[in-house]
Amino acid sequence: MFIILNDLRAMEKYAEEYNIPIMERRGLKFLVDYIKSKNVKSILEIGTAIGYSAINMALSNPGVSIVSIEKDEVRYLEAVKNVKKFKLDKQITLILGDALNLELTEKYDLIFIDAAKGQYVNFFEKYSQNLNDKGTIISDNIYFHGLIEQNIRIEKKNLRQLVDKIKKYILFLEGHEEFKTEFYKIGDGIAVSRKRVITNEDRYITEEFEWFR
């Protein structure tokens, strides 16, 4: 266990040195605890980076299988090296490519989005089709270093545009008809989206008034 902790700390140091975004520790603990409490067995991760979150998720339960997508080749190769170091090759499958250009047919208990913030809506819309009926989509960096909740004008154009896109994603989640989302001020902000439960009464009302359409 001591060796594993040392290796994880080495990954954190590497990420800091090379300015690679990895999940904040409190947010990561929330994610790992969620996987354990919900008995999650299959995970799709969008945004591998150097494999930090995927490795932590795999270590949480030897029965968990993870598919993780990364489009940056340098980060992907670093993730491959790290997964091998932790001997998690059988649990973690790494894919090099742009998640928006891939077509996956498998279904997952959990989809974890932690990639390009400006593409969160597109990731959600594309991969929600790969979610099991009782599955969950978790999105990281929802509050983006506190900038989302600030009312001050952001001077840097690129940063301002990115913040605006995250705000639009939050509105997208809040207004989604098929998913109910809860937001947590943990780490850098986490959104947990679950499919809405449709009761028999809801089905009856929908079918009864279908002719109004």
N, C-alpha and C. Protein backbone atom coordinates (compact mmCIF):
# COMPACT_ATOMS: atom_id res chain seq x y z
N MET A 1 0.82 -1.20 0.00
CA MET A 1 0.00 0.00 0.00
C MET A 1 0.86 1.26 0.00
N PHE A 2 1.97 1.21 0.74
CA PHE A 2 2.87 2.36 0.82
C PHE A 2 3.47 2.66 -0.55
N ILE A 3 3.81 1.59 -1.29
CA ILE A 3 4.38 1.77 -2.63
C ILE A 3 3.35 2.40 -3.56
N ILE A 4 2.10 1.94 -3.48
CA ILE A 4 1.03 2.49 -4.32
C ILE A 4 0.84 3.98 -4.05
N LEU A 5 0.82 4.36 -2.77
CA LEU A 5 0.66 5.77 -2.41
C LEU A 5 1.82 6.61 -2.94
N ASN A 6 3.02 6.08 -2.84
CA ASN A 6 4.19 6.78 -3.36
C ASN A 6 4.07 7.00 -4.87
N ASP A 7 3.63 5.97 -5.57
CA ASP A 7 3.48 6.07 -7.03
C ASP A 7 2.39 7.08 -7.40
N LEU A 8 1.30 7.10 -6.64
CA LEU A 8 0.24 8.07 -6.90
C LEU A 8 0.73 9.49 -6.65
N ARG A 9 1.50 9.67 -5.59
CA ARG A 9 2.04 11.00 -5.29
C ARG A 9 3.03 11.43 -6.39
N ALA A 10 3.77 10.47 -6.92
CA ALA A 10 4.69 10.77 -8.02
C ALA A 10 3.91 11.24 -9.25
N MET A 11 2.74 10.64 -9.51
CA MET A 11 1.89 11.07 -10.62
C MET A 11 1.38 12.49 -10.39
N GLU A 12 1.00 12.79 -9.17
CA GLU A 12 0.52 14.14 -8.84
C GLU A 12 1.63 15.17 -9.07
N LYS A 13 2.85 14.81 -8.66
CA LYS A 13 3.98 15.71 -8.84
C LYS A 13 4.29 15.92 -10.33
N TYR A 14 4.20 14.84 -11.11
CA TYR A 14 4.43 14.92 -12.55
C TYR A 14 3.39 15.84 -13.20
N ALA A 15 2.12 15.67 -12.80
CA ALA A 15 1.04 16.49 -13.36
C ALA A 15 1.25 17.96 -13.04
N GLU A 16 1.68 18.25 -11.82
CA GLU A 16 1.93 19.63 -11.42
C GLU A 16 3.10 20.22 -12.20
N GLU A 17 4.14 19.43 -12.35
CA GLU A 17 5.35 19.90 -13.04
C GLU A 17 5.08 20.22 -14.50
N TYR A 18 4.27 19.38 -15.15
CA TYR A 18 4.00 19.56 -16.58
C TYR A 18 2.65 20.22 -16.86
N ASN A 19 2.04 20.77 -15.81
CA ASN A 19 0.79 21.51 -15.95
C ASN A 19 -0.30 20.67 -16.62
N ILE A 20 -0.45 19.44 -16.16
CA ILE A 20 -1.47 18.54 -16.67
C ILE A 20 -2.61 18.48 -15.65
N PRO A 21 -3.82 18.81 -16.06
CA PRO A 21 -4.94 18.80 -15.10
C PRO A 21 -5.33 17.39 -14.69
N ILE A 22 -5.33 17.12 -13.41
CA ILE A 22 -5.83 15.85 -12.88
C ILE A 22 -6.87 16.17 -11.82
N MET A 23 -7.63 15.19 -11.43
CA MET A 23 -8.74 15.42 -10.52
C MET A 23 -8.24 15.80 -9.12
N GLU A 24 -8.89 16.80 -8.55
CA GLU A 24 -8.55 17.24 -7.19
C GLU A 24 -8.88 16.12 -6.20
N ARG A 25 -8.09 16.02 -5.12
CA ARG A 25 -8.19 14.86 -4.22
C ARG A 25 -9.57 14.66 -3.61
N ARG A 26 -10.22 15.76 -3.18
CA ARG A 26 -11.54 15.60 -2.55
C ARG A 26 -12.57 15.15 -3.57
N GLY A 27 -12.46 15.68 -4.78
CA GLY A 27 -13.35 15.24 -5.84
C GLY A 27 -13.12 13.79 -6.19
N LEU A 28 -11.85 13.39 -6.19
CA LEU A 28 -11.50 12.00 -6.49
C LEU A 28 -12.06 11.07 -5.42
N LYS A 29 -11.97 11.47 -4.16
CA LYS A 29 -12.52 10.65 -3.07
C LYS A 29 -14.03 10.47 -3.24
N PHE A 30 -14.71 11.55 -3.62
CA PHE A 30 -16.15 11.48 -3.87
C PHE A 30 -16.44 10.46 -4.97
N LEU A 31 -15.67 10.53 -6.05
CA LEU A 31 -15.85 9.62 -7.18
C LEU A 31 -15.62 8.17 -6.78
N VAL A 32 -14.53 7.91 -6.08
CA VAL A 32 -14.20 6.54 -5.64
C VAL A 32 -15.25 6.01 -4.67
N ASP A 33 -15.68 6.85 -3.74
CA ASP A 33 -16.71 6.43 -2.78
C ASP A 33 -18.02 6.13 -3.50
N TYR A 34 -18.33 6.90 -4.53
CA TYR A 34 -19.55 6.67 -5.31
C TYR A 34 -19.48 5.31 -6.00
N ILE A 35 -18.35 5.01 -6.58
CA ILE A 35 -18.16 3.73 -7.28
C ILE A 35 -18.35 2.56 -6.32
N LYS A 36 -17.81 2.71 -5.11
CA LYS A 36 -17.95 1.65 -4.11
C LYS A 36 -19.39 1.51 -3.64
N SER A 37 -20.03 2.63 -3.31
CA SER A 37 -21.37 2.59 -2.73
C SER A 37 -22.42 2.11 -3.72
N LYS A 38 -22.23 2.40 -5.01
CA LYS A 38 -23.21 2.02 -6.03
C LYS A 38 -22.84 0.70 -6.72
N ASN A 39 -21.75 0.08 -6.25
CA ASN A 39 -21.31 -1.20 -6.81
C ASN A 39 -21.12 -1.10 -8.33
N VAL A 40 -20.49 -0.03 -8.76
CA VAL A 40 -20.23 0.19 -10.19
C VAL A 40 -19.23 -0.84 -10.70
N LYS A 41 -19.54 -1.43 -11.84
CA LYS A 41 -18.67 -2.47 -12.40
C LYS A 41 -18.02 -2.08 -13.73
N SER A 42 -18.67 -1.17 -14.46
CA SER A 42 -18.12 -0.77 -15.77
C SER A 42 -18.14 0.74 -15.91
N ILE A 43 -17.02 1.31 -16.36
CA ILE A 43 -16.86 2.76 -16.43
C ILE A 43 -16.29 3.16 -17.78
N LEU A 44 -16.86 4.22 -18.34
CA LEU A 44 -16.27 4.87 -19.51
C LEU A 44 -15.78 6.24 -19.05
N GLU A 45 -14.50 6.49 -19.25
CA GLU A 45 -13.92 7.78 -18.87
C GLU A 45 -13.56 8.54 -20.14
N ILE A 46 -14.02 9.77 -20.21
CA ILE A 46 -13.68 10.63 -21.35
C ILE A 46 -12.67 11.65 -20.86
N GLY A 47 -11.43 11.45 -21.22
CA GLY A 47 -10.34 12.30 -20.77
C GLY A 47 -9.42 11.56 -19.80
N THR A 48 -8.47 10.82 -20.35
CA THR A 48 -7.56 10.01 -19.52
C THR A 48 -6.49 10.85 -18.85
N ALA A 49 -5.98 11.84 -19.60
CA ALA A 49 -4.75 12.57 -19.20
C ALA A 49 -3.64 11.54 -18.98
N ILE A 50 -3.06 11.49 -17.78
CA ILE A 50 -1.96 10.54 -17.55
C ILE A 50 -2.43 9.28 -16.82
N GLY A 51 -3.75 9.12 -16.72
CA GLY A 51 -4.29 7.90 -16.12
C GLY A 51 -4.55 7.96 -14.63
N TYR A 52 -4.42 9.14 -14.04
CA TYR A 52 -4.53 9.28 -12.59
C TYR A 52 -5.90 8.85 -12.05
N SER A 53 -6.96 9.39 -12.60
CA SER A 53 -8.29 9.05 -12.10
C SER A 53 -8.67 7.62 -12.46
N ALA A 54 -8.30 7.17 -13.66
CA ALA A 54 -8.60 5.79 -14.05
C ALA A 54 -7.94 4.79 -13.11
N ILE A 55 -6.70 5.05 -12.76
CA ILE A 55 -5.96 4.16 -11.85
C ILE A 55 -6.60 4.16 -10.47
N ASN A 56 -6.97 5.33 -9.97
CA ASN A 56 -7.63 5.40 -8.67
C ASN A 56 -8.98 4.68 -8.68
N MET A 57 -9.73 4.80 -9.77
CA MET A 57 -11.00 4.11 -9.87
C MET A 57 -10.81 2.60 -9.89
N ALA A 58 -9.79 2.14 -10.62
CA ALA A 58 -9.52 0.72 -10.71
C ALA A 58 -9.06 0.15 -9.37
N LEU A 59 -8.26 0.92 -8.65
CA LEU A 59 -7.77 0.48 -7.34
C LEU A 59 -8.89 0.38 -6.31
N SER A 60 -10.00 1.09 -6.54
CA SER A 60 -11.10 1.09 -5.58
C SER A 60 -11.81 -0.25 -5.53
N ASN A 61 -11.72 -1.03 -6.61
CA ASN A 61 -12.41 -2.31 -6.67
C ASN A 61 -11.81 -3.16 -7.79
N PRO A 62 -11.24 -4.31 -7.48
CA PRO A 62 -10.63 -5.15 -8.51
C PRO A 62 -11.63 -5.67 -9.53
N GLY A 63 -12.93 -5.54 -9.22
CA GLY A 63 -13.96 -6.01 -10.16
C GLY A 63 -14.41 -4.95 -11.14
N VAL A 64 -13.86 -3.75 -11.04
CA VAL A 64 -14.23 -2.65 -11.94
C VAL A 64 -13.43 -2.73 -13.23
N SER A 65 -14.12 -2.55 -14.37
CA SER A 65 -13.43 -2.46 -15.66
C SER A 65 -13.64 -1.06 -16.23
N ILE A 66 -12.59 -0.50 -16.79
CA ILE A 66 -12.61 0.90 -17.25
C ILE A 66 -12.11 1.00 -18.68
N VAL A 67 -12.86 1.75 -19.49
CA VAL A 67 -12.40 2.15 -20.81
C VAL A 67 -12.18 3.66 -20.75
N SER A 68 -10.99 4.11 -21.12
CA SER A 68 -10.65 5.52 -20.99
C SER A 68 -10.11 6.06 -22.31
N ILE A 69 -10.61 7.23 -22.71
CA ILE A 69 -10.28 7.82 -24.01
C ILE A 69 -9.45 9.08 -23.82
N GLU A 70 -8.36 9.19 -24.59
CA GLU A 70 -7.50 10.37 -24.54
C GLU A 70 -7.04 10.71 -25.96
N LYS A 71 -7.15 11.97 -26.35
CA LYS A 71 -6.76 12.33 -27.72
C LYS A 71 -5.34 12.89 -27.82
N ASP A 72 -4.75 13.26 -26.70
CA ASP A 72 -3.37 13.76 -26.71
C ASP A 72 -2.41 12.58 -26.62
N GLU A 73 -1.59 12.40 -27.63
CA GLU A 73 -0.74 11.20 -27.70
C GLU A 73 0.31 11.16 -26.60
N VAL A 74 0.89 12.30 -26.25
CA VAL A 74 1.91 12.34 -25.21
C VAL A 74 1.31 11.89 -23.87
N ARG A 75 0.14 12.43 -23.56
CA ARG A 75 -0.53 12.06 -22.30
C ARG A 75 -0.97 10.59 -22.34
N TYR A 76 -1.46 10.18 -23.49
CA TYR A 76 -1.88 8.78 -23.65
C TYR A 76 -0.73 7.82 -23.37
N LEU A 77 0.44 8.11 -23.94
CA LEU A 77 1.60 7.23 -23.75
C LEU A 77 2.06 7.23 -22.28
N GLU A 78 1.95 8.37 -21.62
CA GLU A 78 2.28 8.44 -20.20
C GLU A 78 1.28 7.60 -19.39
N ALA A 79 0.01 7.65 -19.79
CA ALA A 79 -1.02 6.86 -19.11
C ALA A 79 -0.77 5.37 -19.29
N VAL A 80 -0.38 4.97 -20.49
CA VAL A 80 -0.05 3.56 -20.76
C VAL A 80 1.06 3.09 -19.82
N LYS A 81 2.08 3.93 -19.69
CA LYS A 81 3.21 3.60 -18.81
C LYS A 81 2.75 3.47 -17.36
N ASN A 82 1.90 4.39 -16.93
CA ASN A 82 1.43 4.36 -15.54
C ASN A 82 0.53 3.16 -15.26
N VAL A 83 -0.35 2.85 -16.18
CA VAL A 83 -1.24 1.69 -16.00
C VAL A 83 -0.43 0.41 -15.88
N LYS A 84 0.61 0.29 -16.68
CA LYS A 84 1.49 -0.89 -16.60
C LYS A 84 2.24 -0.93 -15.26
N LYS A 85 2.67 0.25 -14.80
CA LYS A 85 3.39 0.32 -13.52
C LYS A 85 2.53 -0.20 -12.37
N PHE A 86 1.22 0.10 -12.42
CA PHE A 86 0.30 -0.34 -11.38
C PHE A 86 -0.27 -1.74 -11.64
N LYS A 87 0.16 -2.33 -12.78
CA LYS A 87 -0.30 -3.68 -13.15
C LYS A 87 -1.83 -3.75 -13.25
N LEU A 88 -2.39 -2.74 -13.92
CA LEU A 88 -3.84 -2.66 -14.07
C LEU A 88 -4.28 -2.83 -15.53
N ASP A 89 -3.43 -3.45 -16.33
CA ASP A 89 -3.71 -3.64 -17.76
C ASP A 89 -5.01 -4.38 -18.01
N LYS A 90 -5.34 -5.33 -17.13
CA LYS A 90 -6.54 -6.14 -17.34
C LYS A 90 -7.81 -5.39 -16.94
N GLN A 91 -7.67 -4.36 -16.14
CA GLN A 91 -8.84 -3.58 -15.71
C GLN A 91 -9.07 -2.34 -16.55
N ILE A 92 -7.99 -1.75 -17.03
CA ILE A 92 -8.09 -0.48 -17.74
C ILE A 92 -7.71 -0.65 -19.20
N THR A 93 -8.63 -0.28 -20.10
CA THR A 93 -8.37 -0.26 -21.54
C THR A 93 -8.25 1.20 -21.98
N LEU A 94 -7.10 1.55 -22.54
CA LEU A 94 -6.86 2.93 -22.97
C LEU A 94 -7.05 3.04 -24.48
N ILE A 95 -7.73 4.11 -24.90
CA ILE A 95 -7.97 4.35 -26.31
C ILE A 95 -7.40 5.71 -26.69
N LEU A 96 -6.58 5.75 -27.73
CA LEU A 96 -6.05 7.00 -28.25
C LEU A 96 -6.96 7.49 -29.37
N GLY A 97 -7.56 8.65 -29.17
CA GLY A 97 -8.44 9.18 -30.20
C GLY A 97 -9.33 10.28 -29.65
N ASP A 98 -10.02 10.96 -30.57
CA ASP A 98 -10.96 12.01 -30.20
C ASP A 98 -12.30 11.35 -29.86
N ALA A 99 -12.76 11.54 -28.64
CA ALA A 99 -13.98 10.87 -28.18
C ALA A 99 -15.18 11.21 -29.06
N LEU A 100 -15.19 12.39 -29.67
CA LEU A 100 -16.32 12.78 -30.51
C LEU A 100 -16.32 12.09 -31.87
N ASN A 101 -15.20 11.47 -32.20
CA ASN A 101 -15.10 10.77 -33.49
C ASN A 101 -15.16 9.25 -33.35
N LEU A 102 -15.28 8.77 -32.13
CA LEU A 102 -15.31 7.33 -31.89
C LEU A 102 -16.75 6.84 -31.80
N GLU A 103 -16.94 5.56 -32.09
CA GLU A 103 -18.26 4.94 -31.96
C GLU A 103 -18.13 3.71 -31.08
N LEU A 104 -18.66 3.78 -29.88
CA LEU A 104 -18.63 2.66 -28.96
C LEU A 104 -20.04 2.08 -28.82
N THR A 105 -20.13 0.77 -28.76
CA THR A 105 -21.44 0.12 -28.66
C THR A 105 -21.73 -0.41 -27.27
N GLU A 106 -20.72 -0.51 -26.42
CA GLU A 106 -20.89 -1.07 -25.09
C GLU A 106 -21.72 -0.13 -24.20
N LYS A 107 -22.33 -0.72 -23.17
CA LYS A 107 -23.07 0.04 -22.17
C LYS A 107 -22.26 0.05 -20.87
N TYR A 108 -22.37 1.14 -20.11
CA TYR A 108 -21.57 1.31 -18.90
C TYR A 108 -22.45 1.72 -17.71
N ASP A 109 -22.01 1.33 -16.52
CA ASP A 109 -22.70 1.75 -15.29
C ASP A 109 -22.43 3.22 -14.98
N LEU A 110 -21.23 3.67 -15.36
CA LEU A 110 -20.83 5.04 -15.05
C LEU A 110 -20.05 5.62 -16.23
N ILE A 111 -20.40 6.84 -16.59
CA ILE A 111 -19.63 7.59 -17.58
C ILE A 111 -19.06 8.82 -16.88
N PHE A 112 -17.75 8.94 -16.91
CA PHE A 112 -17.07 10.04 -16.22
C PHE A 112 -16.49 10.99 -17.26
N ILE A 113 -16.97 12.24 -17.24
CA ILE A 113 -16.53 13.25 -18.21
C ILE A 113 -15.55 14.20 -17.54
N ASP A 114 -14.32 14.21 -18.06
CA ASP A 114 -13.28 15.08 -17.52
C ASP A 114 -12.28 15.41 -18.63
N ALA A 115 -12.82 15.98 -19.71
CA ALA A 115 -11.98 16.28 -20.87
C ALA A 115 -12.16 17.76 -21.24
N ALA A 116 -12.15 18.08 -22.54
CA ALA A 116 -12.28 19.47 -22.98
C ALA A 116 -13.60 20.07 -22.48
N LYS A 117 -13.50 21.08 -21.64
CA LYS A 117 -14.69 21.65 -20.98
C LYS A 117 -15.69 22.21 -21.98
N GLY A 118 -15.18 22.76 -23.08
CA GLY A 118 -16.07 23.35 -24.08
C GLY A 118 -16.89 22.34 -24.85
N GLN A 119 -16.57 21.04 -24.68
CA GLN A 119 -17.27 19.98 -25.41
C GLN A 119 -18.18 19.14 -24.51
N TYR A 120 -18.39 19.58 -23.28
CA TYR A 120 -19.15 18.75 -22.33
C TYR A 120 -20.55 18.41 -22.83
N VAL A 121 -21.25 19.37 -23.41
CA VAL A 121 -22.60 19.09 -23.93
C VAL A 121 -22.53 18.02 -25.01
N ASN A 122 -21.57 18.13 -25.91
CA ASN A 122 -21.42 17.15 -26.99
C ASN A 122 -21.07 15.77 -26.44
N PHE A 123 -20.17 15.73 -25.45
CA PHE A 123 -19.82 14.44 -24.83
C PHE A 123 -21.06 13.81 -24.20
N PHE A 124 -21.81 14.61 -23.46
CA PHE A 124 -22.99 14.10 -22.76
C PHE A 124 -24.01 13.56 -23.76
N GLU A 125 -24.31 14.33 -24.80
CA GLU A 125 -25.31 13.91 -25.77
C GLU A 125 -24.88 12.65 -26.52
N LYS A 126 -23.62 12.57 -26.85
CA LYS A 126 -23.13 11.42 -27.61
C LYS A 126 -23.09 10.15 -26.77
N TYR A 127 -22.56 10.25 -25.55
CA TYR A 127 -22.29 9.03 -24.78
C TYR A 127 -23.38 8.66 -23.78
N SER A 128 -24.39 9.50 -23.63
CA SER A 128 -25.52 9.09 -22.78
C SER A 128 -26.22 7.87 -23.37
N GLN A 129 -26.03 7.67 -24.67
CA GLN A 129 -26.59 6.48 -25.33
C GLN A 129 -25.87 5.20 -24.89
N ASN A 130 -24.69 5.35 -24.32
CA ASN A 130 -23.89 4.21 -23.87
C ASN A 130 -24.04 3.93 -22.38
N LEU A 131 -25.06 4.52 -21.77
CA LEU A 131 -25.27 4.37 -20.34
C LEU A 131 -26.34 3.32 -20.05
N ASN A 132 -26.05 2.46 -19.08
CA ASN A 132 -27.05 1.50 -18.63
C ASN A 132 -28.26 2.24 -18.07
N ASP A 133 -29.41 1.58 -18.03
CA ASP A 133 -30.65 2.23 -17.60
C ASP A 133 -30.55 2.86 -16.22
N LYS A 134 -29.85 2.21 -15.32
CA LYS A 134 -29.71 2.74 -13.96
C LYS A 134 -28.34 3.38 -13.74
N GLY A 135 -27.69 3.73 -14.84
CA GLY A 135 -26.34 4.29 -14.74
C GLY A 135 -26.29 5.76 -14.41
N THR A 136 -25.08 6.28 -14.30
CA THR A 136 -24.84 7.67 -13.89
C THR A 136 -23.77 8.31 -14.77
N ILE A 137 -23.97 9.58 -15.05
CA ILE A 137 -22.92 10.37 -15.72
C ILE A 137 -22.40 11.38 -14.70
N ILE A 138 -21.11 11.34 -14.45
CA ILE A 138 -20.48 12.29 -13.52
C ILE A 138 -19.56 13.21 -14.32
N SER A 139 -19.73 14.51 -14.11
CA SER A 139 -18.91 15.51 -14.80
C SER A 139 -18.07 16.28 -13.78
N ASP A 140 -16.80 16.42 -14.07
CA ASP A 140 -15.89 17.13 -13.17
C ASP A 140 -15.68 18.57 -13.66
N ASN A 141 -15.11 19.41 -12.79
CA ASN A 141 -14.76 20.80 -13.10
C ASN A 141 -15.96 21.69 -13.39
N ILE A 142 -17.07 21.41 -12.74
CA ILE A 142 -18.30 22.16 -13.00
C ILE A 142 -18.20 23.62 -12.53
N TYR A 143 -17.43 23.88 -11.49
CA TYR A 143 -17.33 25.26 -10.99
C TYR A 143 -16.02 25.92 -11.41
N PHE A 144 -15.13 25.19 -12.05
CA PHE A 144 -13.95 25.72 -12.74
C PHE A 144 -13.23 26.80 -11.93
N HIS A 145 -12.61 26.34 -10.83
CA HIS A 145 -11.79 27.21 -9.97
C HIS A 145 -12.60 28.38 -9.39
N GLY A 146 -13.90 28.20 -9.24
CA GLY A 146 -14.74 29.25 -8.66
C GLY A 146 -15.19 30.31 -9.65
N LEU A 147 -14.72 30.24 -10.89
CA LEU A 147 -15.04 31.28 -11.87
C LEU A 147 -16.50 31.26 -12.31
N ILE A 148 -17.13 30.09 -12.23
CA ILE A 148 -18.51 29.97 -12.70
C ILE A 148 -19.47 30.80 -11.85
N GLU A 149 -19.18 30.90 -10.56
CA GLU A 149 -20.09 31.60 -9.65
C GLU A 149 -19.77 33.08 -9.50
N GLN A 150 -18.68 33.53 -10.09
CA GLN A 150 -18.31 34.94 -9.98
C GLN A 150 -19.07 35.77 -11.02
N ASN A 151 -19.47 36.96 -10.63
CA ASN A 151 -20.20 37.84 -11.54
C ASN A 151 -19.29 38.87 -12.22
N ILE A 152 -18.01 38.86 -11.88
CA ILE A 152 -17.09 39.83 -12.47
C ILE A 152 -16.76 39.42 -13.92
N ARG A 153 -16.47 40.40 -14.74
CA ARG A 153 -16.12 40.14 -16.13
C ARG A 153 -14.71 39.58 -16.21
N ILE A 154 -14.54 38.51 -16.96
CA ILE A 154 -13.23 37.90 -17.17
C ILE A 154 -12.59 38.54 -18.39
N GLU A 155 -11.40 39.10 -18.23
CA GLU A 155 -10.78 39.88 -19.30
C GLU A 155 -10.25 39.01 -20.45
N LYS A 156 -9.67 37.87 -20.11
CA LYS A 156 -9.11 37.02 -21.17
C LYS A 156 -10.25 36.37 -21.96
N LYS A 157 -10.25 36.61 -23.27
CA LYS A 157 -11.35 36.17 -24.13
C LYS A 157 -11.53 34.66 -24.12
N ASN A 158 -10.43 33.92 -24.27
CA ASN A 158 -10.52 32.46 -24.33
C ASN A 158 -11.08 31.88 -23.03
N LEU A 159 -10.61 32.43 -21.91
CA LEU A 159 -11.09 31.97 -20.61
C LEU A 159 -12.57 32.32 -20.43
N ARG A 160 -12.94 33.51 -20.85
CA ARG A 160 -14.33 33.95 -20.73
C ARG A 160 -15.26 33.05 -21.56
N GLN A 161 -14.82 32.71 -22.76
CA GLN A 161 -15.62 31.84 -23.62
C GLN A 161 -15.77 30.44 -23.01
N LEU A 162 -14.69 29.96 -22.39
CA LEU A 162 -14.74 28.64 -21.77
C LEU A 162 -15.70 28.64 -20.58
N VAL A 163 -15.62 29.67 -19.76
CA VAL A 163 -16.52 29.79 -18.61
C VAL A 163 -17.98 29.85 -19.09
N ASP A 164 -18.23 30.59 -20.17
CA ASP A 164 -19.59 30.69 -20.72
C ASP A 164 -20.10 29.32 -21.18
N LYS A 165 -19.21 28.51 -21.75
CA LYS A 165 -19.61 27.17 -22.21
C LYS A 165 -19.95 26.25 -21.04
N ILE A 166 -19.19 26.38 -19.95
CA ILE A 166 -19.49 25.56 -18.77
C ILE A 166 -20.82 25.99 -18.17
N LYS A 167 -21.08 27.30 -18.15
CA LYS A 167 -22.37 27.79 -17.65
C LYS A 167 -23.51 27.24 -18.50
N LYS A 168 -23.31 27.19 -19.80
CA LYS A 168 -24.33 26.64 -20.70
C LYS A 168 -24.53 25.16 -20.44
N TYR A 169 -23.44 24.47 -20.09
CA TYR A 169 -23.55 23.04 -19.77
C TYR A 169 -24.38 22.83 -18.51
N ILE A 170 -24.16 23.68 -17.52
CA ILE A 170 -24.94 23.60 -16.29
C ILE A 170 -26.43 23.80 -16.59
N LEU A 171 -26.74 24.80 -17.42
CA LEU A 171 -28.13 25.05 -17.81
C LEU A 171 -28.69 23.87 -18.60
N PHE A 172 -27.85 23.29 -19.43
CA PHE A 172 -28.24 22.10 -20.21
C PHE A 172 -28.62 20.96 -19.28
N LEU A 173 -27.82 20.73 -18.24
CA LEU A 173 -28.11 19.66 -17.29
C LEU A 173 -29.37 19.97 -16.49
N GLU A 174 -29.50 21.21 -16.05
CA GLU A 174 -30.66 21.60 -15.24
C GLU A 174 -31.98 21.44 -16.00
N GLY A 175 -31.92 21.65 -17.32
CA GLY A 175 -33.14 21.58 -18.11
C GLY A 175 -33.36 20.27 -18.83
N HIS A 176 -32.48 19.29 -18.59
CA HIS A 176 -32.58 18.03 -19.33
C HIS A 176 -33.82 17.24 -18.90
N GLU A 177 -34.59 16.80 -19.87
CA GLU A 177 -35.84 16.09 -19.58
C GLU A 177 -35.62 14.64 -19.15
N GLU A 178 -34.54 14.04 -19.60
CA GLU A 178 -34.31 12.62 -19.32
C GLU A 178 -33.42 12.36 -18.13
N PHE A 179 -32.69 13.39 -17.69
CA PHE A 179 -31.75 13.22 -16.58
C PHE A 179 -32.02 14.23 -15.47
N LYS A 180 -31.85 13.78 -14.26
CA LYS A 180 -31.90 14.67 -13.09
C LYS A 180 -30.49 14.80 -12.56
N THR A 181 -30.05 16.03 -12.37
CA THR A 181 -28.65 16.28 -11.98
C THR A 181 -28.57 16.94 -10.61
N GLU A 182 -27.64 16.45 -9.80
CA GLU A 182 -27.32 17.08 -8.52
C GLU A 182 -25.91 17.64 -8.61
N PHE A 183 -25.72 18.83 -8.06
CA PHE A 183 -24.43 19.51 -8.14
C PHE A 183 -23.79 19.54 -6.75
N TYR A 184 -22.50 19.27 -6.71
CA TYR A 184 -21.77 19.21 -5.44
C TYR A 184 -20.57 20.14 -5.49
N LYS A 185 -20.43 20.97 -4.45
CA LYS A 185 -19.27 21.85 -4.34
C LYS A 185 -18.13 21.10 -3.67
N ILE A 186 -17.67 20.08 -4.35
CA ILE A 186 -16.58 19.23 -3.87
C ILE A 186 -15.46 19.30 -4.89
N GLY A 187 -14.24 19.44 -4.43
CA GLY A 187 -13.13 19.57 -5.37
C GLY A 187 -13.34 20.81 -6.23
N ASP A 188 -13.35 20.61 -7.54
CA ASP A 188 -13.57 21.72 -8.46
C ASP A 188 -15.00 21.73 -9.00
N GLY A 189 -15.89 21.06 -8.26
CA GLY A 189 -17.30 21.02 -8.66
C GLY A 189 -17.63 19.77 -9.43
N ILE A 190 -18.64 19.04 -8.96
CA ILE A 190 -19.03 17.77 -9.58
C ILE A 190 -20.53 17.76 -9.84
N ALA A 191 -20.91 17.28 -11.02
CA ALA A 191 -22.32 17.09 -11.36
C ALA A 191 -22.59 15.60 -11.49
N VAL A 192 -23.64 15.13 -10.84
CA VAL A 192 -24.03 13.72 -10.88
C VAL A 192 -25.39 13.63 -11.55
N SER A 193 -25.43 13.05 -12.74
CA SER A 193 -26.66 12.99 -13.54
C SER A 193 -27.16 11.56 -13.64
N ARG A 194 -28.41 11.36 -13.23
CA ARG A 194 -29.04 10.04 -13.31
C ARG A 194 -30.29 10.13 -14.17
N LYS A 195 -30.59 9.04 -14.85
CA LYS A 195 -31.81 9.01 -15.66
C LYS A 195 -33.02 9.16 -14.76
N ARG A 196 -33.97 9.98 -15.19
CA ARG A 196 -35.19 10.17 -14.43
C ARG A 196 -36.02 8.89 -14.42
N VAL A 197 -36.61 8.58 -13.28
CA VAL A 197 -37.44 7.40 -13.16
C VAL A 197 -38.85 7.74 -13.63
N ILE A 198 -39.33 6.98 -14.61
CA ILE A 198 -40.68 7.20 -15.14
C ILE A 198 -41.61 6.18 -14.52
N THR A 199 -42.62 6.65 -13.79
CA THR A 199 -43.56 5.76 -13.13
C THR A 199 -44.63 5.29 -14.12
N ASN A 200 -45.39 4.29 -13.71
CA ASN A 200 -46.47 3.79 -14.54
C ASN A 200 -47.50 4.89 -14.81
N GLU A 201 -47.72 5.76 -13.81
CA GLU A 201 -48.66 6.86 -13.98
C GLU A 201 -48.16 7.83 -15.05
N ASP A 202 -46.84 8.10 -15.05
CA ASP A 202 -46.26 8.98 -16.05
C ASP A 202 -46.45 8.40 -17.45
N ARG A 203 -46.23 7.08 -17.58
CA ARG A 203 -46.40 6.43 -18.88
C ARG A 203 -47.84 6.54 -19.35
N TYR A 204 -48.80 6.35 -18.42
CA TYR A 204 -50.21 6.41 -18.76
C TYR A 204 -50.58 7.80 -19.28
N ILE A 205 -50.10 8.84 -18.56
CA ILE A 205 -50.40 10.21 -18.95
C ILE A 205 -49.82 10.52 -20.32
N THR A 206 -48.57 10.06 -20.54
CA THR A 206 -47.91 10.31 -21.82
C THR A 206 -48.68 9.64 -22.97
N GLU A 207 -49.06 8.38 -22.77
CA GLU A 207 -49.77 7.65 -23.81
C GLU A 207 -51.17 8.20 -24.04
N GLU A 208 -51.86 8.59 -22.94
CA GLU A 208 -53.23 9.07 -23.01
C GLU A 208 -53.34 10.36 -23.81
N PHE A 209 -52.33 11.22 -23.69
CA PHE A 209 -52.39 12.53 -24.33
C PHE A 209 -51.48 12.63 -25.54
N GLU A 210 -51.01 11.49 -26.03
CA GLU A 210 -50.12 11.49 -27.19
C GLU A 210 -50.80 12.12 -28.41
N TRP A 211 -52.14 11.96 -28.51
CA TRP A 211 -52.86 12.46 -29.68
C TRP A 211 -52.89 13.97 -29.79
N PHE A 212 -52.46 14.68 -28.67
CA PHE A 212 -52.40 16.13 -28.71
C PHE A 212 -51.24 16.62 -29.56
N ARG A 213 -50.23 15.76 -29.75
CA ARG A 213 -49.02 16.19 -30.45
C ARG A 213 -49.30 16.52 -31.91
